[in-house]
Each structure stands twice: as C-alpha cells, then as structure tokens.
C-alpha cells in the first residue's frame, strides 16, 4: 500500500496559514511542511509566526513569517502579495474567479 502520507503529498505547493503562531495554526503549518509544502506562517504576533517558520525550516521546507491582522483588508492583501513574492504561487485549490 505504501506510505499513507503519499495520499496527502503537498510537494511543490505553497501553504499560507493564518493564526500560525500557536495552537492549531502552528500544527497545520508543521503538518503541511511534513507533507512537503513551503509555508507562509502568518499571525498578528509576528514573533510567534517567526518561531513557527523556524519549525517549518527545521522540517526541511521553506518557511517565512508574516505579521498580519486578518481583520485589516490591506494587511491581508500585503500578506498574500508577500507570500507570492517569496514562495511563489503553487496552490492546488481552484483559483478565485475575477469579479466584474
């Protein structure tokens, strides 16, 4: 049957995780890195995001920290823009349709 993690391979993908500084956000970041993704770790507490990004890097993946208040639209836009600039845009979910 092989390795069950092969079913969840994120090799070559980029994940952007909000709330990555602690709790489930940190866990999601680490699991996505274990599955092969490079991870942008965003949190309102940038220091916590840095600690998670370091954990991602310790798993052999590219990790970056972003301080972001997701209730502020301009910060969310900057978070996405920075993620694409540093890690690229390699996602497996459908791309949003442009609004008219």
PDB file of N, CA and C in Angstrom:
ATOM      1  N   UNK A   1       0.816  -1.197   0.000  1.00  0.00           N
ATOM      2  CA  UNK A   1       0.000   0.000   0.000  1.00  0.00           C
ATOM      3  C   UNK A   1       0.860   1.261   0.000  1.00  0.00           C
ATOM      4  N   UNK A   2       2.036   1.217   0.546  1.00  0.00           N
ATOM      5  CA  UNK A   2       2.900   2.394   0.543  1.00  0.00           C
ATOM      6  C   UNK A   2       2.661   3.278   1.753  1.00  0.00           C
ATOM      7  N   UNK A   3       3.280   4.428   1.713  1.00  0.00           N
ATOM      8  CA  UNK A   3       3.194   5.397   2.798  1.00  0.00           C
ATOM      9  C   UNK A   3       1.881   6.171   2.711  1.00  0.00           C
ATOM     10  N   UNK A   4       1.063   6.170   3.778  1.00  0.00           N
ATOM     11  CA  UNK A   4      -0.202   6.919   3.746  1.00  0.00           C
ATOM     12  C   UNK A   4      -0.011   8.412   3.485  1.00  0.00           C
ATOM     13  N   UNK A   5       1.153   8.961   3.865  1.00  0.00           N
ATOM     14  CA  UNK A   5       1.393  10.385   3.620  1.00  0.00           C
ATOM     15  C   UNK A   5       1.452  10.697   2.129  1.00  0.00           C
ATOM     16  N   UNK A   6       1.722   9.681   1.293  1.00  0.00           N
ATOM     17  CA  UNK A   6       1.722   9.906  -0.149  1.00  0.00           C
ATOM     18  C   UNK A   6       0.350  10.377  -0.635  1.00  0.00           C
ATOM     19  N   UNK A   7      -0.711   9.983   0.067  1.00  0.00           N
ATOM     20  CA  UNK A   7      -2.058  10.416  -0.289  1.00  0.00           C
ATOM     21  C   UNK A   7      -2.246  11.909  -0.041  1.00  0.00           C
ATOM     22  N   UNK A   8      -1.436  12.455   0.833  1.00  0.00           N
ATOM     23  CA  UNK A   8      -1.567  13.847   1.226  1.00  0.00           C
ATOM     24  C   UNK A   8      -0.363  14.685   0.806  1.00  0.00           C
ATOM     25  N   UNK A   9       0.304  14.273  -0.233  1.00  0.00           N
ATOM     26  CA  UNK A   9       1.518  14.964  -0.663  1.00  0.00           C
ATOM     27  C   UNK A   9       1.217  16.408  -1.077  1.00  0.00           C
ATOM     28  N   UNK A  10       2.004  17.324  -0.528  1.00  0.00           N
ATOM     29  CA  UNK A  10       1.936  18.729  -0.919  1.00  0.00           C
ATOM     30  C   UNK A  10       3.254  19.173  -1.537  1.00  0.00           C
ATOM     31  N   UNK A  11       4.022  18.207  -2.040  1.00  0.00           N
ATOM     32  CA  UNK A  11       5.303  18.532  -2.673  1.00  0.00           C
ATOM     33  C   UNK A  11       5.096  19.574  -3.761  1.00  0.00           C
ATOM     34  N   UNK A  12       5.914  20.601  -3.717  1.00  0.00           N
ATOM     35  CA  UNK A  12       5.845  21.635  -4.733  1.00  0.00           C
ATOM     36  C   UNK A  12       4.736  22.648  -4.527  1.00  0.00           C
ATOM     37  N   UNK A  13       4.020  22.581  -3.428  1.00  0.00           N
ATOM     38  CA  UNK A  13       2.919  23.504  -3.163  1.00  0.00           C
ATOM     39  C   UNK A  13       3.337  24.539  -2.132  1.00  0.00           C
ATOM     40  N   UNK A  14       2.567  25.622  -2.054  1.00  0.00           N
ATOM     41  CA  UNK A  14       2.762  26.667  -1.054  1.00  0.00           C
ATOM     42  C   UNK A  14       1.503  26.751  -0.216  1.00  0.00           C
ATOM     43  N   UNK A  15       1.687  26.776   1.108  1.00  0.00           N
ATOM     44  CA  UNK A  15       0.563  26.949   2.027  1.00  0.00           C
ATOM     45  C   UNK A  15       0.720  28.292   2.726  1.00  0.00           C
ATOM     46  N   UNK A  16      -0.381  28.992   2.897  1.00  0.00           N
ATOM     47  CA  UNK A  16      -0.404  30.217   3.684  1.00  0.00           C
ATOM     48  C   UNK A  16      -1.336  29.948   4.855  1.00  0.00           C
ATOM     49  N   UNK A  17      -0.800  29.960   6.059  1.00  0.00           N
ATOM     50  CA  UNK A  17      -1.573  29.617   7.254  1.00  0.00           C
ATOM     51  C   UNK A  17      -1.698  30.848   8.137  1.00  0.00           C
ATOM     52  N   UNK A  18      -2.937  31.247   8.428  1.00  0.00           N
ATOM     53  CA  UNK A  18      -3.160  32.342   9.369  1.00  0.00           C
ATOM     54  C   UNK A  18      -3.324  31.753  10.765  1.00  0.00           C
ATOM     55  N   UNK A  19      -2.979  32.536  11.763  1.00  0.00           N
ATOM     56  CA  UNK A  19      -3.006  32.039  13.137  1.00  0.00           C
ATOM     57  C   UNK A  19      -1.908  31.025  13.392  1.00  0.00           C
ATOM     58  N   UNK A  20      -0.832  31.128  12.606  1.00  0.00           N
ATOM     59  CA  UNK A  20       0.235  30.122  12.629  1.00  0.00           C
ATOM     60  C   UNK A  20       1.138  30.219  13.848  1.00  0.00           C
ATOM     61  N   UNK A  21       0.988  31.248  14.646  1.00  0.00           N
ATOM     62  CA  UNK A  21       1.878  31.437  15.776  1.00  0.00           C
ATOM     63  C   UNK A  21       1.661  30.490  16.936  1.00  0.00           C
ATOM     64  N   UNK A  22       0.503  29.852  16.990  1.00  0.00           N
ATOM     65  CA  UNK A  22       0.219  28.957  18.119  1.00  0.00           C
ATOM     66  C   UNK A  22      -0.953  28.045  17.785  1.00  0.00           C
ATOM     67  N   UNK A  23      -1.180  27.092  18.671  1.00  0.00           N
ATOM     68  CA  UNK A  23      -2.351  26.228  18.570  1.00  0.00           C
ATOM     69  C   UNK A  23      -2.474  25.481  17.260  1.00  0.00           C
ATOM     70  N   UNK A  24      -3.710  25.421  16.767  1.00  0.00           N
ATOM     71  CA  UNK A  24      -3.978  24.681  15.535  1.00  0.00           C
ATOM     72  C   UNK A  24      -3.235  25.267  14.340  1.00  0.00           C
ATOM     73  N   UNK A  25      -3.096  26.580  14.282  1.00  0.00           N
ATOM     74  CA  UNK A  25      -2.365  27.202  13.176  1.00  0.00           C
ATOM     75  C   UNK A  25      -0.927  26.718  13.105  1.00  0.00           C
ATOM     76  N   UNK A  26      -0.291  26.609  14.263  1.00  0.00           N
ATOM     77  CA  UNK A  26       1.085  26.094  14.270  1.00  0.00           C
ATOM     78  C   UNK A  26       1.094  24.634  13.842  1.00  0.00           C
ATOM     79  N   UNK A  27       0.158  23.847  14.369  1.00  0.00           N
ATOM     80  CA  UNK A  27       0.076  22.433  13.991  1.00  0.00           C
ATOM     81  C   UNK A  27      -0.143  22.277  12.491  1.00  0.00           C
ATOM     82  N   UNK A  28      -1.086  23.059  11.922  1.00  0.00           N
ATOM     83  CA  UNK A  28      -1.341  22.985  10.482  1.00  0.00           C
ATOM     84  C   UNK A  28      -0.082  23.314   9.696  1.00  0.00           C
ATOM     85  N   UNK A  29       0.645  24.338  10.129  1.00  0.00           N
ATOM     86  CA  UNK A  29       1.877  24.733   9.437  1.00  0.00           C
ATOM     87  C   UNK A  29       2.886  23.598   9.417  1.00  0.00           C
ATOM     88  N   UNK A  30       3.070  22.963  10.565  1.00  0.00           N
ATOM     89  CA  UNK A  30       4.047  21.884  10.662  1.00  0.00           C
ATOM     90  C   UNK A  30       3.612  20.660   9.855  1.00  0.00           C
ATOM     91  N   UNK A  31       2.337  20.310   9.900  1.00  0.00           N
ATOM     92  CA  UNK A  31       1.854  19.145   9.144  1.00  0.00           C
ATOM     93  C   UNK A  31       1.970  19.398   7.642  1.00  0.00           C
ATOM     94  N   UNK A  32       1.653  20.612   7.210  1.00  0.00           N
ATOM     95  CA  UNK A  32       1.782  20.918   5.780  1.00  0.00           C
ATOM     96  C   UNK A  32       3.242  20.848   5.337  1.00  0.00           C
ATOM     97  N   UNK A  33       4.157  21.291   6.194  1.00  0.00           N
ATOM     98  CA  UNK A  33       5.582  21.174   5.875  1.00  0.00           C
ATOM     99  C   UNK A  33       5.994  19.710   5.827  1.00  0.00           C
ATOM    100  N   UNK A  34       5.512  18.920   6.756  1.00  0.00           N
ATOM    101  CA  UNK A  34       5.823  17.486   6.750  1.00  0.00           C
ATOM    102  C   UNK A  34       5.308  16.817   5.481  1.00  0.00           C
ATOM    103  N   UNK A  35       4.195  17.332   4.938  1.00  0.00           N
ATOM    104  CA  UNK A  35       3.624  16.786   3.708  1.00  0.00           C
ATOM    105  C   UNK A  35       4.313  17.341   2.462  1.00  0.00           C
ATOM    106  N   UNK A  36       5.262  18.283   2.642  1.00  0.00           N
ATOM    107  CA  UNK A  36       6.060  18.754   1.515  1.00  0.00           C
ATOM    108  C   UNK A  36       5.853  20.189   1.081  1.00  0.00           C
ATOM    109  N   UNK A  37       4.943  20.917   1.723  1.00  0.00           N
ATOM    110  CA  UNK A  37       4.674  22.293   1.308  1.00  0.00           C
ATOM    111  C   UNK A  37       5.678  23.268   1.909  1.00  0.00           C
ATOM    112  N   UNK A  38       5.938  24.346   1.181  1.00  0.00           N
ATOM    113  CA  UNK A  38       6.597  25.513   1.750  1.00  0.00           C
ATOM    114  C   UNK A  38       5.485  26.319   2.414  1.00  0.00           C
ATOM    115  N   UNK A  39       5.775  26.951   3.571  1.00  0.00           N
ATOM    116  CA  UNK A  39       4.701  27.526   4.364  1.00  0.00           C
ATOM    117  C   UNK A  39       4.970  28.979   4.735  1.00  0.00           C
ATOM    118  N   UNK A  40       3.997  29.830   4.429  1.00  0.00           N
ATOM    119  CA  UNK A  40       3.981  31.202   4.923  1.00  0.00           C
ATOM    120  C   UNK A  40       3.190  31.176   6.226  1.00  0.00           C
ATOM    121  N   UNK A  41       3.842  31.544   7.314  1.00  0.00           N
ATOM    122  CA  UNK A  41       3.254  31.490   8.650  1.00  0.00           C
ATOM    123  C   UNK A  41       2.844  32.899   9.056  1.00  0.00           C
ATOM    124  N   UNK A  42       1.545  33.165   9.079  1.00  0.00           N
ATOM    125  CA  UNK A  42       1.046  34.497   9.391  1.00  0.00           C
ATOM    126  C   UNK A  42       0.367  34.504  10.755  1.00  0.00           C
ATOM    127  N   UNK A  43       0.612  35.572  11.500  1.00  0.00           N
ATOM    128  CA  UNK A  43      -0.024  35.725  12.808  1.00  0.00           C
ATOM    129  C   UNK A  43       0.037  37.194  13.194  1.00  0.00           C
ATOM    130  N   UNK A  44      -0.895  37.629  13.991  1.00  0.00           N
ATOM    131  CA  UNK A  44      -0.872  39.005  14.479  1.00  0.00           C
ATOM    132  C   UNK A  44       0.360  39.230  15.353  1.00  0.00           C
ATOM    133  N   UNK A  45       0.841  38.153  15.973  1.00  0.00           N
ATOM    134  CA  UNK A  45       2.072  38.185  16.780  1.00  0.00           C
ATOM    135  C   UNK A  45       3.214  37.683  15.899  1.00  0.00           C
ATOM    136  N   UNK A  46       3.929  38.609  15.290  1.00  0.00           N
ATOM    137  CA  UNK A  46       4.961  38.224  14.314  1.00  0.00           C
ATOM    138  C   UNK A  46       6.069  37.380  14.930  1.00  0.00           C
ATOM    139  N   UNK A  47       6.383  37.613  16.193  1.00  0.00           N
ATOM    140  CA  UNK A  47       7.426  36.818  16.856  1.00  0.00           C
ATOM    141  C   UNK A  47       7.018  35.344  16.917  1.00  0.00           C
ATOM    142  N   UNK A  48       5.756  35.076  17.229  1.00  0.00           N
ATOM    143  CA  UNK A  48       5.258  33.698  17.243  1.00  0.00           C
ATOM    144  C   UNK A  48       5.283  33.092  15.841  1.00  0.00           C
ATOM    145  N   UNK A  49       4.940  33.911  14.845  1.00  0.00           N
ATOM    146  CA  UNK A  49       4.996  33.444  13.455  1.00  0.00           C
ATOM    147  C   UNK A  49       6.420  33.075  13.074  1.00  0.00           C
ATOM    148  N   UNK A  50       7.398  33.844  13.563  1.00  0.00           N
ATOM    149  CA  UNK A  50       8.806  33.534  13.283  1.00  0.00           C
ATOM    150  C   UNK A  50       9.199  32.187  13.884  1.00  0.00           C
ATOM    151  N   UNK A  51       8.724  31.911  15.090  1.00  0.00           N
ATOM    152  CA  UNK A  51       9.042  30.629  15.729  1.00  0.00           C
ATOM    153  C   UNK A  51       8.464  29.467  14.921  1.00  0.00           C
ATOM    154  N   UNK A  52       7.252  29.632  14.413  1.00  0.00           N
ATOM    155  CA  UNK A  52       6.647  28.580  13.598  1.00  0.00           C
ATOM    156  C   UNK A  52       7.397  28.427  12.275  1.00  0.00           C
ATOM    157  N   UNK A  53       7.765  29.544  11.651  1.00  0.00           N
ATOM    158  CA  UNK A  53       8.529  29.481  10.398  1.00  0.00           C
ATOM    159  C   UNK A  53       9.853  28.753  10.620  1.00  0.00           C
ATOM    160  N   UNK A  54      10.478  28.968  11.772  1.00  0.00           N
ATOM    161  CA  UNK A  54      11.728  28.265  12.086  1.00  0.00           C
ATOM    162  C   UNK A  54      11.478  26.765  12.215  1.00  0.00           C
ATOM    163  N   UNK A  55      10.339  26.381  12.798  1.00  0.00           N
ATOM    164  CA  UNK A  55       9.996  24.959  12.910  1.00  0.00           C
ATOM    165  C   UNK A  55       9.793  24.355  11.524  1.00  0.00           C
ATOM    166  N   UNK A  56       9.140  25.098  10.636  1.00  0.00           N
ATOM    167  CA  UNK A  56       8.933  24.640   9.251  1.00  0.00           C
ATOM    168  C   UNK A  56      10.289  24.433   8.569  1.00  0.00           C
ATOM    169  N   UNK A  57      11.186  25.376   8.749  1.00  0.00           N
ATOM    170  CA  UNK A  57      12.514  25.262   8.155  1.00  0.00           C
ATOM    171  C   UNK A  57      13.267  24.072   8.735  1.00  0.00           C
ATOM    172  N   UNK A  58      13.045  23.793  10.017  1.00  0.00           N
ATOM    173  CA  UNK A  58      13.664  22.637  10.650  1.00  0.00           C
ATOM    174  C   UNK A  58      13.183  21.319  10.070  1.00  0.00           C
ATOM    175  N   UNK A  59      12.031  21.365   9.413  1.00  0.00           N
ATOM    176  CA  UNK A  59      11.488  20.170   8.745  1.00  0.00           C
ATOM    177  C   UNK A  59      11.959  20.078   7.291  1.00  0.00           C
ATOM    178  N   UNK A  60      12.857  20.991   6.911  1.00  0.00           N
ATOM    179  CA  UNK A  60      13.434  20.927   5.573  1.00  0.00           C
ATOM    180  C   UNK A  60      12.661  21.661   4.500  1.00  0.00           C
ATOM    181  N   UNK A  61      11.706  22.477   4.879  1.00  0.00           N
ATOM    182  CA  UNK A  61      10.911  23.229   3.905  1.00  0.00           C
ATOM    183  C   UNK A  61      11.210  24.712   4.050  1.00  0.00           C
ATOM    184  N   UNK A  62      10.838  25.485   3.045  1.00  0.00           N
ATOM    185  CA  UNK A  62      10.966  26.933   3.163  1.00  0.00           C
ATOM    186  C   UNK A  62       9.814  27.457   4.008  1.00  0.00           C
ATOM    187  N   UNK A  63      10.150  28.265   4.989  1.00  0.00           N
ATOM    188  CA  UNK A  63       9.139  28.870   5.837  1.00  0.00           C
ATOM    189  C   UNK A  63       9.417  30.345   5.981  1.00  0.00           C
ATOM    190  N   UNK A  64       8.372  31.132   6.031  1.00  0.00           N
ATOM    191  CA  UNK A  64       8.518  32.569   6.217  1.00  0.00           C
ATOM    192  C   UNK A  64       7.476  33.045   7.212  1.00  0.00           C
ATOM    193  N   UNK A  65       7.800  34.105   7.931  1.00  0.00           N
ATOM    194  CA  UNK A  65       6.885  34.678   8.916  1.00  0.00           C
ATOM    195  C   UNK A  65       6.329  35.993   8.395  1.00  0.00           C
ATOM    196  N   UNK A  66       5.053  36.206   8.669  1.00  0.00           N
ATOM    197  CA  UNK A  66       4.392  37.449   8.280  1.00  0.00           C
ATOM    198  C   UNK A  66       3.538  37.905   9.454  1.00  0.00           C
ATOM    199  N   UNK A  67       3.731  39.142   9.885  1.00  0.00           N
ATOM    200  CA  UNK A  67       2.831  39.732  10.867  1.00  0.00           C
ATOM    201  C   UNK A  67       1.611  40.254  10.140  1.00  0.00           C
ATOM    202  N   UNK A  68       0.424  39.834  10.568  1.00  0.00           N
ATOM    203  CA  UNK A  68      -0.793  40.235   9.852  1.00  0.00           C
ATOM    204  C   UNK A  68      -1.996  40.208  10.785  1.00  0.00           C
ATOM    205  N   UNK A  69      -2.766  41.276  10.748  1.00  0.00           N
ATOM    206  CA  UNK A  69      -4.064  41.332  11.411  1.00  0.00           C
ATOM    207  C   UNK A  69      -5.096  41.041  10.320  1.00  0.00           C
ATOM    208  N   UNK A  70      -5.688  39.858  10.337  1.00  0.00           N
ATOM    209  CA  UNK A  70      -6.583  39.463   9.246  1.00  0.00           C
ATOM    210  C   UNK A  70      -7.893  40.242   9.226  1.00  0.00           C
ATOM    211  N   UNK A  71      -8.135  41.076  10.240  1.00  0.00           N
ATOM    212  CA  UNK A  71      -9.327  41.927  10.207  1.00  0.00           C
ATOM    213  C   UNK A  71      -9.078  43.211   9.409  1.00  0.00           C
ATOM    214  N   UNK A  72      -7.831  43.421   8.983  1.00  0.00           N
ATOM    215  CA  UNK A  72      -7.470  44.603   8.190  1.00  0.00           C
ATOM    216  C   UNK A  72      -7.207  44.179   6.751  1.00  0.00           C
ATOM    217  N   UNK A  73      -8.107  44.552   5.866  1.00  0.00           N
ATOM    218  CA  UNK A  73      -8.024  44.133   4.467  1.00  0.00           C
ATOM    219  C   UNK A  73      -6.700  44.432   3.801  1.00  0.00           C
ATOM    220  N   UNK A  74      -6.149  45.610   4.053  1.00  0.00           N
ATOM    221  CA  UNK A  74      -4.868  45.977   3.423  1.00  0.00           C
ATOM    222  C   UNK A  74      -3.747  45.059   3.897  1.00  0.00           C
ATOM    223  N   UNK A  75      -3.788  44.641   5.154  1.00  0.00           N
ATOM    224  CA  UNK A  75      -2.752  43.730   5.664  1.00  0.00           C
ATOM    225  C   UNK A  75      -2.890  42.347   5.039  1.00  0.00           C
ATOM    226  N   UNK A  76      -4.123  41.908   4.809  1.00  0.00           N
ATOM    227  CA  UNK A  76      -4.342  40.609   4.169  1.00  0.00           C
ATOM    228  C   UNK A  76      -3.818  40.637   2.736  1.00  0.00           C
ATOM    229  N   UNK A  77      -4.102  41.715   2.017  1.00  0.00           N
ATOM    230  CA  UNK A  77      -3.597  41.843   0.658  1.00  0.00           C
ATOM    231  C   UNK A  77      -2.073  41.830   0.641  1.00  0.00           C
ATOM    232  N   UNK A  78      -1.459  42.541   1.573  1.00  0.00           N
ATOM    233  CA  UNK A  78       0.006  42.568   1.655  1.00  0.00           C
ATOM    234  C   UNK A  78       0.555  41.187   2.010  1.00  0.00           C
ATOM    235  N   UNK A  79      -0.146  40.452   2.874  1.00  0.00           N
ATOM    236  CA  UNK A  79       0.275  39.102   3.268  1.00  0.00           C
ATOM    237  C   UNK A  79       0.313  38.181   2.049  1.00  0.00           C
ATOM    238  N   UNK A  80      -0.729  38.209   1.253  1.00  0.00           N
ATOM    239  CA  UNK A  80      -0.795  37.357   0.068  1.00  0.00           C
ATOM    240  C   UNK A  80       0.273  37.773  -0.936  1.00  0.00           C
ATOM    241  N   UNK A  81       0.401  39.061  -1.156  1.00  0.00           N
ATOM    242  CA  UNK A  81       1.405  39.572  -2.099  1.00  0.00           C
ATOM    243  C   UNK A  81       2.814  39.144  -1.678  1.00  0.00           C
ATOM    244  N   UNK A  82       3.132  39.274  -0.401  1.00  0.00           N
ATOM    245  CA  UNK A  82       4.465  38.910   0.104  1.00  0.00           C
ATOM    246  C   UNK A  82       4.702  37.405  -0.029  1.00  0.00           C
ATOM    247  N   UNK A  83       3.678  36.605   0.255  1.00  0.00           N
ATOM    248  CA  UNK A  83       3.801  35.152   0.120  1.00  0.00           C
ATOM    249  C   UNK A  83       4.149  34.777  -1.314  1.00  0.00           C
ATOM    250  N   UNK A  84       3.452  35.360  -2.270  1.00  0.00           N
ATOM    251  CA  UNK A  84       3.706  35.065  -3.682  1.00  0.00           C
ATOM    252  C   UNK A  84       5.100  35.535  -4.087  1.00  0.00           C
ATOM    253  N   UNK A  85       5.515  36.713  -3.598  1.00  0.00           N
ATOM    254  CA  UNK A  85       6.851  37.222  -3.923  1.00  0.00           C
ATOM    255  C   UNK A  85       7.953  36.296  -3.430  1.00  0.00           C
ATOM    256  N   UNK A  86       7.799  35.769  -2.217  1.00  0.00           N
ATOM    257  CA  UNK A  86       8.867  34.982  -1.594  1.00  0.00           C
ATOM    258  C   UNK A  86       8.769  33.493  -1.935  1.00  0.00           C
ATOM    259  N   UNK A  87       7.586  32.929  -1.859  1.00  0.00           N
ATOM    260  CA  UNK A  87       7.436  31.477  -2.028  1.00  0.00           C
ATOM    261  C   UNK A  87       6.832  31.073  -3.366  1.00  0.00           C
ATOM    262  N   UNK A  88       6.288  32.016  -4.092  1.00  0.00           N
ATOM    263  CA  UNK A  88       5.662  31.695  -5.372  1.00  0.00           C
ATOM    264  C   UNK A  88       4.195  31.380  -5.202  1.00  0.00           C
ATOM    265  N   UNK A  89       3.590  31.004  -6.306  1.00  0.00           N
ATOM    266  CA  UNK A  89       2.150  30.716  -6.304  1.00  0.00           C
ATOM    267  C   UNK A  89       1.949  29.325  -6.866  1.00  0.00           C
ATOM    268  N   UNK A  90       1.923  28.360  -5.999  1.00  0.00           N
ATOM    269  CA  UNK A  90       1.738  26.972  -6.415  1.00  0.00           C
ATOM    270  C   UNK A  90       0.673  26.363  -5.516  1.00  0.00           C
ATOM    271  N   UNK A  91      -0.575  26.593  -5.837  1.00  0.00           N
ATOM    272  CA  UNK A  91      -1.633  26.075  -4.978  1.00  0.00           C
ATOM    273  C   UNK A  91      -2.411  24.987  -5.708  1.00  0.00           C
ATOM    274  N   UNK A  92      -3.083  24.172  -4.938  1.00  0.00           N
ATOM    275  CA  UNK A  92      -3.836  23.074  -5.540  1.00  0.00           C
ATOM    276  C   UNK A  92      -5.335  23.352  -5.518  1.00  0.00           C
ATOM    277  N   UNK A  93      -5.755  24.441  -4.885  1.00  0.00           N
ATOM    278  CA  UNK A  93      -7.177  24.761  -4.854  1.00  0.00           C
ATOM    279  C   UNK A  93      -7.536  25.578  -6.088  1.00  0.00           C
ATOM    280  N   UNK A  94      -8.816  25.574  -6.447  1.00  0.00           N
ATOM    281  CA  UNK A  94      -9.219  26.371  -7.615  1.00  0.00           C
ATOM    282  C   UNK A  94      -8.916  27.839  -7.382  1.00  0.00           C
ATOM    283  N   UNK A  95      -8.533  28.512  -8.444  1.00  0.00           N
ATOM    284  CA  UNK A  95      -8.252  29.935  -8.353  1.00  0.00           C
ATOM    285  C   UNK A  95      -9.578  30.689  -8.309  1.00  0.00           C
ATOM    286  N   UNK A  96      -9.642  31.778  -7.533  1.00  0.00           N
ATOM    287  CA  UNK A  96     -10.888  32.549  -7.482  1.00  0.00           C
ATOM    288  C   UNK A  96     -11.192  33.154  -8.829  1.00  0.00           C
ATOM    289  N   UNK A  97     -12.461  33.251  -9.121  1.00  0.00           N
ATOM    290  CA  UNK A  97     -12.887  33.878 -10.367  1.00  0.00           C
ATOM    291  C   UNK A  97     -12.857  35.380 -10.211  1.00  0.00           C
ATOM    292  N   UNK A  98     -12.436  36.084 -11.246  1.00  0.00           N
ATOM    293  CA  UNK A  98     -12.443  37.549 -11.151  1.00  0.00           C
ATOM    294  C   UNK A  98     -13.872  38.065 -11.015  1.00  0.00           C
ATOM    295  N   UNK A  99     -14.042  39.098 -10.219  1.00  0.00           N
ATOM    296  CA  UNK A  99     -15.362  39.698 -10.091  1.00  0.00           C
ATOM    297  C   UNK A  99     -15.494  40.806 -11.117  1.00  0.00           C
ATOM    298  N   UNK A 100     -16.714  41.001 -11.577  1.00  0.00           N
ATOM    299  CA  UNK A 100     -16.921  42.039 -12.593  1.00  0.00           C
ATOM    300  C   UNK A 100     -17.733  43.166 -12.040  1.00  0.00           C
TER     301      UNK A 100
END
